[in-house]
Amino acid sequence: MPRKPKELSPLELRRLTDPGLHAVGGVTGLYLNVSDTGARSWILRATIGSKRREMGLGPFPDVGLAEARHLAREAKAVIARGGDPIEERREAMLTLRASQHRGKPFGDVVEEFFYAKKRPELGSDKHARNWLSSVRQHALPSLKLKPTAEIDARDILNVLEPIWLGKTPTAKRLRQRLEEVFEWAKAHGHYDGENPARWAGHLKEMLPKPDRVSKVVSHPAVGLTDLPRWFERVKSIEGMGARALQLVALTAARSGEVRGADWTEIDLKRRLWTISSERMKAAREHRVPLANAACAVLEATPRFLGSDLLFTAHRGGALSDATISKAMKRAHALDLELGGKGFLDHRSGRPAVPHGLRSSFRDWAAEMTDYPAEMAELALAHQVGNEVERAYRRTDLLEKRRQMMEDWALFLISSN
């Protein structure tokens, strides 16, 4: 029989400095491993099944001699019962880690999802801010610190119900965003089970249908017969806001696209304005053919030293949305002063707003021209056709749209 090693005392143990395995006695197979660097740790050598294995029991002196012998005896007891202490410890660690993973607060999961997956998909900083702010504003006040794995449909309903009837479009977008977060959380082990924010067969049965409780309210638009008179009033107003408003009308662009435009996007020689995908709502580059009247507005616009913006605010930087809206209101007031009726939307009776000019352009194209609807939609930077049709379309009909925008400009500047 092999000689039983002497049981070392704690003092003798501390004197072991030579690299290698040192039997410490007390439990067969228990060794103190001294590395070349002087670091020391506990090793238990044992036969598990038919294989000779080594099991680490921790570093010395964090794990003392008495504790190491105790851990070695427990491990050997597991082996004697036919178990594998190494595998049991690994499974226990995985279970603990999984439990901690599922216990991650929902606020942390939202942030991880946004910056790892969603932010790269969103084109502009504005869209990114809007996405994250809606979740932070409506969902995180009650769910930020709650473990993600413990969130259920009732929690989601508590978030959505207060705004479902009064702010239905916002609530609808928020639900979709929460559904995305939970799908990502499931894929990364933060959540088990069905998505608590899903609509079909779930929240659909608990909340009123969005299209039944929320009617789409169009932006008030200038009527077709009023457009030439309106444009004449805007041209008579001084200031950058009015100049920018003229370009909004002549290009059928969103006011934000005009306010953020700079001279690097403009090619007056080719009469072309190219807006990058980062600045577009649909995250796709958009080319705008510039009518002669639009070019004239740009050519008459002064450039400011140190700024590439087309339209610069009085104190520098981009114009505010309020500045363009103010020019719109001034045109309305000026028309009233001159004996006109102002510029009210024919359906709602409300004063027209800058964004409503896109509706005015669309009505003009549909009612007063023979241009295909597809061309008008492309001019508005709307998606046209289904996904397959868009995949096969190789042109944005730029040259054909050029004549349409010229006709639109001529309509705007025509006399009453």
Protein backbone atom coordinates (compact mmCIF):
# COMPACT_ATOMS: atom_id res chain seq x y z
CA MET A 1 0.00 0.00 0.00
CA PRO A 2 1.24 3.55 -0.72
CA ARG A 3 2.60 5.40 2.26
CA LYS A 4 0.08 7.76 3.83
CA PRO A 5 1.37 11.36 3.68
CA LYS A 6 2.05 13.18 6.91
CA GLU A 7 -0.62 15.62 8.01
CA LEU A 8 1.01 19.03 7.78
CA SER A 9 0.27 21.82 10.22
CA PRO A 10 -0.59 25.38 9.12
CA LEU A 11 2.94 26.46 10.03
CA GLU A 12 4.51 23.68 7.96
CA LEU A 13 2.19 24.55 5.13
CA ARG A 14 3.44 28.12 4.98
CA ARG A 15 7.01 26.86 4.64
CA LEU A 16 6.20 25.08 1.36
CA THR A 17 7.75 27.32 -1.31
CA ASP A 18 9.20 24.94 -3.90
CA PRO A 19 7.17 24.84 -7.15
CA GLY A 20 5.05 21.70 -7.63
CA LEU A 21 2.39 19.63 -5.86
CA HIS A 22 2.79 19.04 -2.12
CA ALA A 23 0.66 16.43 -0.33
CA VAL A 24 -0.69 17.94 2.88
CA GLY A 25 -2.26 14.83 4.41
CA GLY A 26 -5.56 14.49 6.18
CA VAL A 27 -7.42 13.65 2.95
CA THR A 28 -6.01 11.34 0.30
CA GLY A 29 -5.29 13.21 -2.92
CA LEU A 30 -5.27 16.72 -1.42
CA TYR A 31 -2.31 18.84 -2.53
CA LEU A 32 -1.07 22.38 -2.27
CA ASN A 33 0.07 23.51 -5.72
CA VAL A 34 2.90 26.06 -5.73
CA SER A 35 3.38 27.78 -9.11
CA ASP A 36 6.63 29.15 -10.52
CA THR A 37 5.46 32.64 -9.56
CA GLY A 38 4.88 31.60 -5.95
CA ALA A 39 1.07 31.62 -6.16
CA ARG A 40 -0.47 28.74 -4.19
CA SER A 41 -3.80 26.93 -4.59
CA TRP A 42 -5.53 23.72 -3.53
CA ILE A 43 -5.86 20.68 -5.82
CA LEU A 44 -7.78 17.47 -5.20
CA ARG A 45 -6.74 14.48 -7.30
CA ALA A 46 -9.38 11.77 -7.50
CA THR A 47 -10.76 9.11 -9.80
CA ILE A 48 -14.23 10.06 -11.02
CA GLY A 49 -15.82 7.17 -12.85
CA SER A 50 -12.94 5.74 -14.77
CA LYS A 51 -10.98 8.97 -15.24
CA ARG A 52 -8.32 10.57 -13.12
CA ARG A 53 -9.35 14.18 -12.56
CA GLU A 54 -8.03 17.25 -10.79
CA MET A 55 -10.42 19.57 -9.00
CA GLY A 56 -9.47 23.06 -7.85
CA LEU A 57 -10.58 23.96 -4.33
CA GLY A 58 -9.52 27.59 -4.26
CA PRO A 59 -6.47 29.74 -3.59
CA PHE A 60 -4.31 29.67 -0.45
CA PRO A 61 -4.47 31.43 1.99
CA ASP A 62 -8.04 32.56 1.10
CA VAL A 63 -8.99 28.93 1.62
CA GLY A 64 -7.23 27.71 4.72
CA LEU A 65 -5.95 24.21 5.47
CA ALA A 66 -8.95 23.11 7.54
CA GLU A 67 -11.42 24.38 4.94
CA ALA A 68 -9.51 22.73 2.09
CA ARG A 69 -9.65 19.36 3.90
CA HIS A 70 -13.38 19.88 4.52
CA LEU A 71 -14.05 20.66 0.84
CA ALA A 72 -11.97 17.66 -0.24
CA ARG A 73 -13.96 15.32 2.03
CA GLU A 74 -17.26 16.68 0.65
CA ALA A 75 -16.08 16.16 -2.92
CA LYS A 76 -14.95 12.60 -2.18
CA ALA A 77 -18.33 11.89 -0.56
CA VAL A 78 -20.04 12.94 -3.81
CA ILE A 79 -17.72 10.63 -5.76
CA ALA A 80 -18.48 7.78 -3.39
CA ARG A 81 -22.19 8.21 -4.16
CA GLY A 82 -21.44 7.94 -7.88
CA GLY A 83 -21.57 11.67 -8.56
CA ASP A 84 -19.19 14.10 -10.24
CA PRO A 85 -18.37 17.08 -7.99
CA ILE A 86 -16.69 18.96 -10.86
CA GLU A 87 -19.79 18.72 -13.04
CA GLU A 88 -22.12 19.52 -10.14
CA ARG A 89 -20.13 22.65 -9.34
CA ARG A 90 -20.14 23.72 -13.01
CA GLU A 91 -23.92 23.29 -13.24
CA ALA A 92 -24.43 25.21 -10.01
CA MET A 93 -22.32 28.07 -11.36
CA LEU A 94 -24.27 28.12 -14.64
CA THR A 95 -27.54 28.16 -12.73
CA LEU A 96 -26.34 31.06 -10.58
CA ARG A 97 -25.15 33.02 -13.58
CA ALA A 98 -28.42 32.38 -15.43
CA SER A 99 -30.37 33.52 -12.40
CA GLN A 100 -28.32 36.70 -12.15
CA HIS A 101 -28.71 37.24 -15.91
CA ARG A 102 -32.49 36.98 -15.76
CA GLY A 103 -32.49 39.27 -12.78
CA LYS A 104 -31.04 42.20 -14.73
CA PRO A 105 -33.13 45.36 -14.26
CA PHE A 106 -35.29 46.29 -17.23
CA GLY A 107 -33.71 49.74 -17.49
CA ASP A 108 -30.31 48.14 -18.08
CA VAL A 109 -31.76 45.78 -20.69
CA VAL A 110 -33.36 48.71 -22.57
CA GLU A 111 -30.05 50.58 -22.69
CA GLU A 112 -28.11 47.50 -23.83
CA PHE A 113 -30.66 46.71 -26.54
CA PHE A 114 -30.74 50.28 -27.78
CA TYR A 115 -27.00 50.80 -28.12
CA ALA A 116 -26.17 47.25 -29.27
CA LYS A 117 -28.96 46.77 -31.82
CA LYS A 118 -31.41 49.62 -32.31
CA ARG A 119 -29.16 52.68 -32.48
CA PRO A 120 -27.21 51.38 -35.53
CA GLU A 121 -30.53 50.84 -37.34
CA LEU A 122 -31.77 54.39 -36.80
CA GLY A 123 -30.54 56.96 -39.27
CA SER A 124 -30.55 60.35 -37.60
CA ASP A 125 -29.80 61.43 -34.06
CA LYS A 126 -33.31 62.88 -33.87
CA HIS A 127 -34.94 59.50 -34.55
CA ALA A 128 -32.64 57.86 -32.02
CA ARG A 129 -33.53 60.42 -29.35
CA ASN A 130 -37.25 60.03 -30.05
CA TRP A 131 -37.04 56.25 -29.81
CA LEU A 132 -35.22 56.19 -26.51
CA SER A 133 -37.04 59.13 -24.92
CA SER A 134 -40.49 57.56 -25.40
CA VAL A 135 -39.41 54.39 -23.58
CA ARG A 136 -37.66 56.35 -20.84
CA GLN A 137 -40.61 58.69 -20.36
CA HIS A 138 -43.46 56.18 -20.31
CA ALA A 139 -42.06 52.74 -19.43
CA LEU A 140 -38.99 53.20 -17.26
CA PRO A 141 -40.52 55.21 -14.41
CA SER A 142 -42.31 52.04 -13.24
CA LEU A 143 -40.15 49.30 -14.80
CA LYS A 144 -36.58 50.61 -14.68
CA LEU A 145 -35.49 48.72 -11.56
CA LYS A 146 -37.76 45.70 -11.92
CA PRO A 147 -35.99 42.44 -12.90
CA THR A 148 -36.71 41.87 -16.58
CA ALA A 149 -37.65 38.22 -16.02
CA GLU A 150 -40.43 39.25 -13.61
CA ILE A 151 -42.24 41.64 -15.98
CA ASP A 152 -45.59 40.37 -17.24
CA ALA A 153 -48.55 41.55 -19.31
CA ARG A 154 -50.02 43.41 -16.36
CA ASP A 155 -46.89 45.55 -16.10
CA ILE A 156 -47.07 46.40 -19.80
CA LEU A 157 -50.76 47.26 -19.52
CA ASN A 158 -50.01 49.56 -16.59
CA VAL A 159 -47.60 51.43 -18.89
CA LEU A 160 -49.88 51.59 -21.94
CA GLU A 161 -53.37 52.11 -20.50
CA PRO A 162 -52.82 55.68 -19.21
CA ILE A 163 -51.90 56.90 -22.71
CA TRP A 164 -53.76 54.42 -24.93
CA LEU A 165 -56.85 56.59 -25.42
CA GLY A 166 -55.39 60.08 -25.10
CA LYS A 167 -52.10 59.54 -26.94
CA THR A 168 -52.88 56.52 -29.07
CA PRO A 169 -50.16 56.99 -31.75
CA THR A 170 -47.54 57.39 -29.03
CA ALA A 171 -48.85 54.36 -27.13
CA LYS A 172 -48.89 52.28 -30.31
CA ARG A 173 -45.25 53.11 -31.09
CA LEU A 174 -44.26 52.49 -27.48
CA ARG A 175 -45.83 49.02 -27.50
CA GLN A 176 -43.94 48.13 -30.69
CA ARG A 177 -40.68 49.32 -29.13
CA LEU A 178 -41.25 47.33 -25.96
CA GLU A 179 -41.99 44.25 -28.04
CA GLU A 180 -38.62 44.68 -29.78
CA VAL A 181 -36.85 45.01 -26.44
CA PHE A 182 -38.37 41.80 -25.08
CA GLU A 183 -37.58 39.83 -28.25
CA TRP A 184 -33.94 40.89 -27.84
CA ALA A 185 -34.08 40.10 -24.12
CA LYS A 186 -35.35 36.58 -24.86
CA ALA A 187 -32.55 35.97 -27.34
CA HIS A 188 -29.96 37.07 -24.76
CA GLY A 189 -31.32 35.06 -21.86
CA HIS A 190 -32.85 37.93 -19.92
CA TYR A 191 -36.44 36.74 -20.37
CA ASP A 192 -38.30 33.44 -20.66
CA GLY A 193 -41.73 32.76 -22.05
CA GLU A 194 -44.02 34.69 -24.37
CA ASN A 195 -43.32 38.32 -25.16
CA PRO A 196 -45.48 40.36 -22.74
CA ALA A 197 -45.71 43.29 -25.17
CA ARG A 198 -46.85 41.32 -28.23
CA TRP A 199 -50.08 42.45 -29.88
CA ALA A 200 -51.56 39.48 -31.80
CA GLY A 201 -53.40 37.06 -29.54
CA HIS A 202 -52.31 38.94 -26.44
CA LEU A 203 -52.61 42.71 -25.84
CA LYS A 204 -54.99 42.86 -28.79
CA GLU A 205 -57.52 41.09 -26.57
CA MET A 206 -57.00 43.53 -23.68
CA LEU A 207 -56.81 46.97 -25.33
CA PRO A 208 -59.14 48.76 -27.79
CA LYS A 209 -57.97 48.65 -31.40
CA PRO A 210 -55.85 51.75 -32.08
CA ASP A 211 -57.61 52.62 -35.33
CA ARG A 212 -60.97 52.60 -33.52
CA VAL A 213 -59.95 55.07 -30.83
CA SER A 214 -57.59 57.37 -32.71
CA LYS A 215 -58.39 59.23 -35.89
CA VAL A 216 -55.48 60.50 -37.97
CA VAL A 217 -55.61 64.29 -37.90
CA SER A 218 -54.08 65.85 -41.01
CA HIS A 219 -51.96 68.96 -40.78
CA PRO A 220 -53.98 72.03 -41.84
CA ALA A 221 -53.10 72.84 -45.45
CA VAL A 222 -53.42 75.81 -47.78
CA GLY A 223 -56.25 75.27 -50.25
CA LEU A 224 -55.33 74.86 -53.92
CA THR A 225 -57.07 78.05 -55.02
CA ASP A 226 -55.30 80.00 -52.24
CA LEU A 227 -51.77 78.75 -52.93
CA PRO A 228 -50.63 81.42 -55.43
CA ARG A 229 -51.90 84.21 -53.18
CA TRP A 230 -50.29 82.55 -50.16
CA PHE A 231 -46.93 82.28 -51.94
CA GLU A 232 -47.13 85.94 -52.92
CA ARG A 233 -47.68 86.90 -49.28
CA VAL A 234 -44.71 84.79 -48.12
CA LYS A 235 -42.44 86.38 -50.74
CA SER A 236 -43.27 89.80 -49.34
CA ILE A 237 -42.09 88.87 -45.83
CA GLU A 238 -38.49 89.64 -44.86
CA GLY A 239 -36.25 87.26 -42.97
CA MET A 240 -34.68 83.83 -43.11
CA GLY A 241 -37.82 82.13 -41.86
CA ALA A 242 -39.80 83.30 -44.89
CA ARG A 243 -36.99 82.31 -47.29
CA ALA A 244 -36.86 78.84 -45.76
CA LEU A 245 -40.65 78.59 -45.97
CA GLN A 246 -40.49 79.38 -49.70
CA LEU A 247 -38.06 76.48 -50.21
CA VAL A 248 -40.28 74.19 -48.13
CA ALA A 249 -43.14 74.96 -50.50
CA LEU A 250 -41.14 74.77 -53.74
CA THR A 251 -39.56 71.40 -52.87
CA ALA A 252 -42.43 69.77 -50.93
CA ALA A 253 -39.80 68.88 -48.32
CA ARG A 254 -40.25 68.63 -44.58
CA SER A 255 -39.33 71.78 -42.70
CA GLY A 256 -36.71 69.87 -40.71
CA GLU A 257 -34.98 68.82 -43.92
CA VAL A 258 -34.85 72.45 -45.05
CA ARG A 259 -33.72 73.79 -41.67
CA GLY A 260 -30.87 71.29 -41.51
CA ALA A 261 -29.77 71.68 -45.14
CA ASP A 262 -26.29 72.99 -45.92
CA TRP A 263 -24.58 74.18 -49.07
CA THR A 264 -22.62 70.93 -49.51
CA GLU A 265 -25.95 69.26 -50.38
CA ILE A 266 -26.78 71.78 -53.12
CA ASP A 267 -25.60 71.60 -56.73
CA LEU A 268 -27.03 74.71 -58.40
CA LYS A 269 -25.37 73.86 -61.72
CA ARG A 270 -27.28 70.56 -61.88
CA ARG A 271 -30.26 72.10 -60.05
CA LEU A 272 -30.16 69.30 -57.51
CA TRP A 273 -30.47 68.98 -53.73
CA THR A 274 -29.24 65.66 -52.27
CA ILE A 275 -30.28 64.88 -48.71
CA SER A 276 -28.30 62.14 -46.98
CA SER A 277 -30.00 59.10 -45.49
CA GLU A 278 -28.96 60.23 -42.00
CA ARG A 279 -31.22 63.28 -42.30
CA MET A 280 -34.22 61.54 -43.84
CA LYS A 281 -37.16 60.11 -41.91
CA ALA A 282 -37.11 56.96 -44.03
CA ALA A 283 -33.30 56.64 -43.61
CA ARG A 284 -32.79 56.68 -47.40
CA GLU A 285 -30.98 59.26 -49.51
CA HIS A 286 -33.43 61.60 -51.20
CA ARG A 287 -32.73 63.64 -54.33
CA VAL A 288 -34.80 66.77 -54.90
CA PRO A 289 -34.85 68.38 -58.36
CA LEU A 290 -34.75 72.15 -57.91
CA ALA A 291 -37.12 74.23 -60.01
CA ASN A 292 -35.88 77.54 -61.35
CA ALA A 293 -37.82 79.38 -58.66
CA ALA A 294 -36.17 77.26 -55.95
CA CYS A 295 -32.73 78.02 -57.39
CA ALA A 296 -33.61 81.71 -57.40
CA VAL A 297 -34.45 81.58 -53.68
CA LEU A 298 -31.11 79.92 -52.95
CA GLU A 299 -29.12 82.31 -55.13
CA ALA A 300 -30.67 85.28 -53.34
CA THR A 301 -29.95 83.82 -49.89
CA PRO A 302 -26.87 85.37 -48.22
CA ARG A 303 -24.14 83.03 -46.99
CA PHE A 304 -22.68 83.52 -43.52
CA LEU A 305 -19.02 83.22 -42.71
CA GLY A 306 -18.32 80.12 -40.65
CA SER A 307 -21.64 78.43 -41.45
CA ASP A 308 -22.52 75.99 -44.24
CA LEU A 309 -26.24 76.12 -43.45
CA LEU A 310 -28.59 77.37 -46.16
CA PHE A 311 -30.58 79.31 -43.62
CA THR A 312 -28.81 80.56 -40.51
CA ALA A 313 -30.55 81.83 -37.40
CA HIS A 314 -29.92 85.39 -36.21
CA ARG A 315 -27.60 84.18 -33.45
CA GLY A 316 -26.03 81.42 -35.51
CA GLY A 317 -26.98 77.78 -35.95
CA ALA A 318 -30.00 76.30 -37.67
CA LEU A 319 -33.39 77.99 -37.76
CA SER A 320 -35.89 76.73 -35.23
CA ASP A 321 -39.14 75.12 -36.32
CA ALA A 322 -40.91 78.00 -34.58
CA THR A 323 -39.19 80.51 -36.90
CA ILE A 324 -40.71 78.91 -39.99
CA SER A 325 -44.07 78.54 -38.26
CA LYS A 326 -43.91 82.23 -37.38
CA ALA A 327 -43.45 83.10 -41.06
CA MET A 328 -46.47 80.96 -41.88
CA LYS A 329 -48.57 82.79 -39.30
CA ARG A 330 -47.33 86.15 -40.56
CA ALA A 331 -48.50 85.29 -44.11
CA HIS A 332 -51.94 84.48 -42.72
CA ALA A 333 -52.10 87.72 -40.71
CA LEU A 334 -50.84 89.78 -43.65
CA ASP A 335 -53.55 88.41 -45.90
CA LEU A 336 -56.19 89.37 -43.35
CA GLU A 337 -54.71 92.86 -43.14
CA LEU A 338 -54.98 93.20 -46.93
CA GLY A 339 -58.63 92.21 -46.93
CA GLY A 340 -58.20 88.51 -47.66
CA LYS A 341 -59.65 85.57 -45.77
CA GLY A 342 -56.33 84.26 -44.54
CA PHE A 343 -55.22 80.70 -45.20
CA LEU A 344 -57.47 78.20 -43.47
CA ASP A 345 -57.69 74.48 -44.10
CA HIS A 346 -60.86 73.84 -46.08
CA ARG A 347 -61.72 70.75 -44.04
CA SER A 348 -60.89 71.66 -40.45
CA GLY A 349 -61.07 75.47 -40.69
CA ARG A 350 -57.77 75.75 -38.83
CA PRO A 351 -54.91 78.01 -40.01
CA ALA A 352 -52.54 76.21 -42.35
CA VAL A 353 -49.13 75.06 -41.03
CA PRO A 354 -45.82 74.47 -42.88
CA HIS A 355 -46.15 70.68 -42.90
CA GLY A 356 -49.56 71.00 -44.52
CA LEU A 357 -47.83 72.30 -47.68
CA ARG A 358 -46.89 68.70 -48.47
CA SER A 359 -50.60 67.85 -48.51
CA SER A 360 -51.23 70.86 -50.71
CA PHE A 361 -48.62 69.61 -53.17
CA ARG A 362 -50.15 66.12 -53.14
CA ASP A 363 -53.63 67.53 -53.80
CA TRP A 364 -52.28 69.64 -56.66
CA ALA A 365 -50.60 66.63 -58.28
CA ALA A 366 -53.75 64.53 -57.97
CA GLU A 367 -56.38 67.10 -58.94
CA MET A 368 -54.68 69.46 -61.34
CA THR A 369 -52.12 67.31 -63.23
CA ASP A 370 -51.79 63.99 -64.99
CA TYR A 371 -48.59 63.02 -63.19
CA PRO A 372 -48.67 59.45 -61.83
CA ALA A 373 -49.32 59.14 -58.11
CA GLU A 374 -46.03 57.26 -57.81
CA MET A 375 -44.08 60.35 -58.87
CA ALA A 376 -45.82 62.55 -56.34
CA GLU A 377 -45.14 60.03 -53.58
CA LEU A 378 -41.47 59.85 -54.56
CA ALA A 379 -41.28 63.63 -54.44
CA LEU A 380 -42.57 63.46 -50.86
CA ALA A 381 -39.93 60.79 -50.03
CA HIS A 382 -42.66 58.27 -49.26
CA GLN A 383 -42.15 54.55 -49.78
CA VAL A 384 -43.84 53.42 -52.97
CA GLY A 385 -44.93 49.84 -53.64
CA ASN A 386 -44.30 46.75 -51.58
CA GLU A 387 -40.92 45.50 -50.42
CA VAL A 388 -40.33 43.38 -53.53
CA GLU A 389 -41.21 46.25 -55.87
CA ARG A 390 -38.87 48.59 -54.02
CA ALA A 391 -36.07 46.03 -54.20
CA TYR A 392 -36.32 45.88 -58.01
CA ARG A 393 -36.76 49.61 -58.57
CA ARG A 394 -33.48 51.05 -59.81
CA THR A 395 -34.48 54.71 -60.24
CA ASP A 396 -36.12 57.50 -58.32
CA LEU A 397 -37.51 59.04 -61.55
CA LEU A 398 -35.44 62.15 -60.93
CA GLU A 399 -35.67 63.64 -64.43
CA LYS A 400 -39.37 62.99 -64.73
CA ARG A 401 -39.91 64.55 -61.32
CA ARG A 402 -37.90 67.56 -62.41
CA GLN A 403 -40.63 68.66 -64.83
CA MET A 404 -43.30 68.01 -62.21
CA MET A 405 -41.53 70.25 -59.66
CA GLU A 406 -41.10 72.95 -62.32
CA ASP A 407 -44.84 72.85 -63.03
CA TRP A 408 -45.54 73.00 -59.28
CA ALA A 409 -43.32 76.06 -58.91
CA LEU A 410 -44.99 77.79 -61.85
CA PHE A 411 -48.36 77.12 -60.22
CA LEU A 412 -47.20 78.67 -56.95
CA ILE A 413 -45.82 81.83 -58.54
CA SER A 414 -48.70 82.29 -60.98
CA SER A 415 -50.90 85.34 -60.49
CA ASN A 416 -54.39 85.04 -59.04
